[in-house]
Each structure stands twice: as structure tokens, then as C-alpha cells.
Protein backbone atom coordinates (compact mmCIF):
# COMPACT_ATOMS: atom_id res chain seq x y z
CA UNK A 1 -20.75 -20.15 -20.38
CA UNK A 2 -17.61 -19.51 -18.73
CA UNK A 3 -17.07 -20.05 -15.54
CA UNK A 4 -14.20 -18.94 -13.19
CA UNK A 5 -14.09 -21.15 -9.98
CA UNK A 6 -13.09 -19.68 -6.30
CA UNK A 7 -9.44 -20.95 -6.61
CA UNK A 8 -9.11 -19.23 -9.64
CA UNK A 9 -10.72 -15.81 -8.81
CA UNK A 10 -8.33 -16.20 -5.65
CA UNK A 11 -5.26 -16.86 -8.06
CA UNK A 12 -6.32 -13.47 -9.97
CA UNK A 13 -6.82 -11.57 -6.89
CA UNK A 14 -3.23 -13.16 -5.43
CA UNK A 15 -1.45 -11.84 -9.22
CA UNK A 16 -2.91 -8.46 -8.73
CA UNK A 17 -2.41 -7.24 -4.77
CA UNK A 18 1.37 -8.53 -6.37
CA UNK A 19 1.76 -6.31 -8.76
CA UNK A 20 0.56 -3.49 -7.22
CA UNK A 21 2.72 -3.83 -4.17
CA UNK A 22 5.65 -4.27 -6.79
CA UNK A 23 4.61 -1.02 -8.56
CA UNK A 24 4.49 1.04 -5.45
CA UNK A 25 7.52 -0.56 -4.30
CA UNK A 26 9.12 0.84 -7.35
CA UNK A 27 7.54 3.97 -7.24
CA UNK A 28 8.46 4.89 -3.48
CA UNK A 29 12.05 3.78 -4.36
CA UNK A 30 12.15 6.25 -7.15
CA UNK A 31 10.14 9.29 -5.70
CA UNK A 32 10.98 9.11 -2.10
CA UNK A 33 14.39 7.48 -2.02
CA UNK A 34 15.78 8.96 0.90
CA UNK A 35 13.29 7.53 2.79
CA UNK A 36 12.76 4.07 1.46
CA UNK A 37 17.02 3.57 0.88
CA UNK A 38 17.26 1.84 4.52
CA UNK A 39 14.77 -0.73 3.89
CA UNK A 40 15.08 -4.20 2.22
CA UNK A 41 12.76 -5.02 -0.38
CA UNK A 42 10.91 -7.65 1.90
CA UNK A 43 10.27 -4.28 4.23
CA UNK A 44 9.23 -2.03 1.79
CA UNK A 45 6.93 -4.75 0.53
CA UNK A 46 5.64 -5.17 4.34
CA UNK A 47 5.55 -1.15 5.08
CA UNK A 48 3.02 -1.10 1.72
CA UNK A 49 1.39 -4.25 2.90
CA UNK A 50 0.60 -1.83 6.15
CA UNK A 51 -0.53 0.85 4.17
CA UNK A 52 -3.04 -0.65 2.47
CA UNK A 53 -4.57 -2.36 5.60
CA UNK A 54 -4.75 0.47 7.71
CA UNK A 55 -5.74 2.64 4.18
CA UNK A 56 -8.34 0.08 3.92
CA UNK A 57 -9.95 0.74 7.78
CA UNK A 58 -11.11 4.97 6.54
CA UNK A 59 -12.51 2.90 3.93
CA UNK A 60 -9.28 4.07 0.67
CA UNK A 61 -9.33 1.20 -1.23
CA UNK A 62 -8.86 2.83 -4.90
CA UNK A 63 -5.38 1.89 -5.94
CA UNK A 64 -4.02 5.82 -6.53
CA UNK A 65 -5.94 6.52 -3.33
CA UNK A 66 -4.09 4.01 -1.09
CA UNK A 67 -0.84 4.62 -2.76
CA UNK A 68 -1.35 8.71 -1.48
CA UNK A 69 -1.98 7.43 1.57
CA UNK A 70 1.73 5.53 1.49
CA UNK A 71 3.00 8.83 0.41
CA UNK A 72 2.18 10.13 3.71
CA UNK A 73 3.34 7.80 6.05
CA UNK A 74 6.21 8.74 4.68
CA UNK A 75 6.26 12.35 3.97
CA UNK A 76 4.44 13.31 7.61
CA UNK A 77 5.03 10.45 9.79
CA UNK A 78 4.49 6.45 8.99
CA UNK A 79 1.64 6.87 12.31
CA UNK A 80 0.36 10.09 11.10
CA UNK A 81 -3.34 8.56 11.20
CA UNK A 82 -3.25 7.33 14.20
CA UNK A 83 -2.19 10.98 15.17
CA UNK A 84 -3.92 13.17 17.65
CA UNK A 85 -2.29 16.21 16.55
CA UNK A 86 -4.26 15.32 13.03
CA UNK A 87 -7.86 15.79 13.53
CA UNK A 88 -9.58 12.96 11.54
CA UNK A 89 -13.35 14.19 9.71
């Protein structure tokens, strides 16, 4: 029987998270170039990580939906979810 230890699971999770951040950054640079061009790679990665955290507060955890949330941060407003003019359901 194969046993995956806790530190191995953590390593897999870190690799998956890095892959998500890299792919999302590439997507944002391609489709939201003007909005991202002033951001360094580290700043864009921090923006994405903040989006992941904020999306998670609303129970948004599927990668596709998290990317949509981050899209809204760029298209609508970085703090769109905190704006009282946008009602929450």
C-alpha cells in the first residue's frame, strides 16, 4: 500500500498552487495586458494570491471561478466585492 506523508501532500499542494499562479498570470497578461503591464511578475502574483483569498471568503474555490473573480477585480474594480453599490446575494 502506498502511503503519502503529510510533507509530500504539502509539496504537491505547493506545486499545484504555483502552477495555478503561473497559468493565471499568463492568462491575465494575455487577455488583460493593459491592466497588467504596469505590474511586475511579483506584483501580479500577489494580486492573484489576494484574489484567491478573497474569492475563498465567498466559497469560490474552483479554479475557473477563482479566475473569473480575479477577472472582475481587473474589469470592474479591484475592490468590487467590498463596494456597497454592488449588492451581495
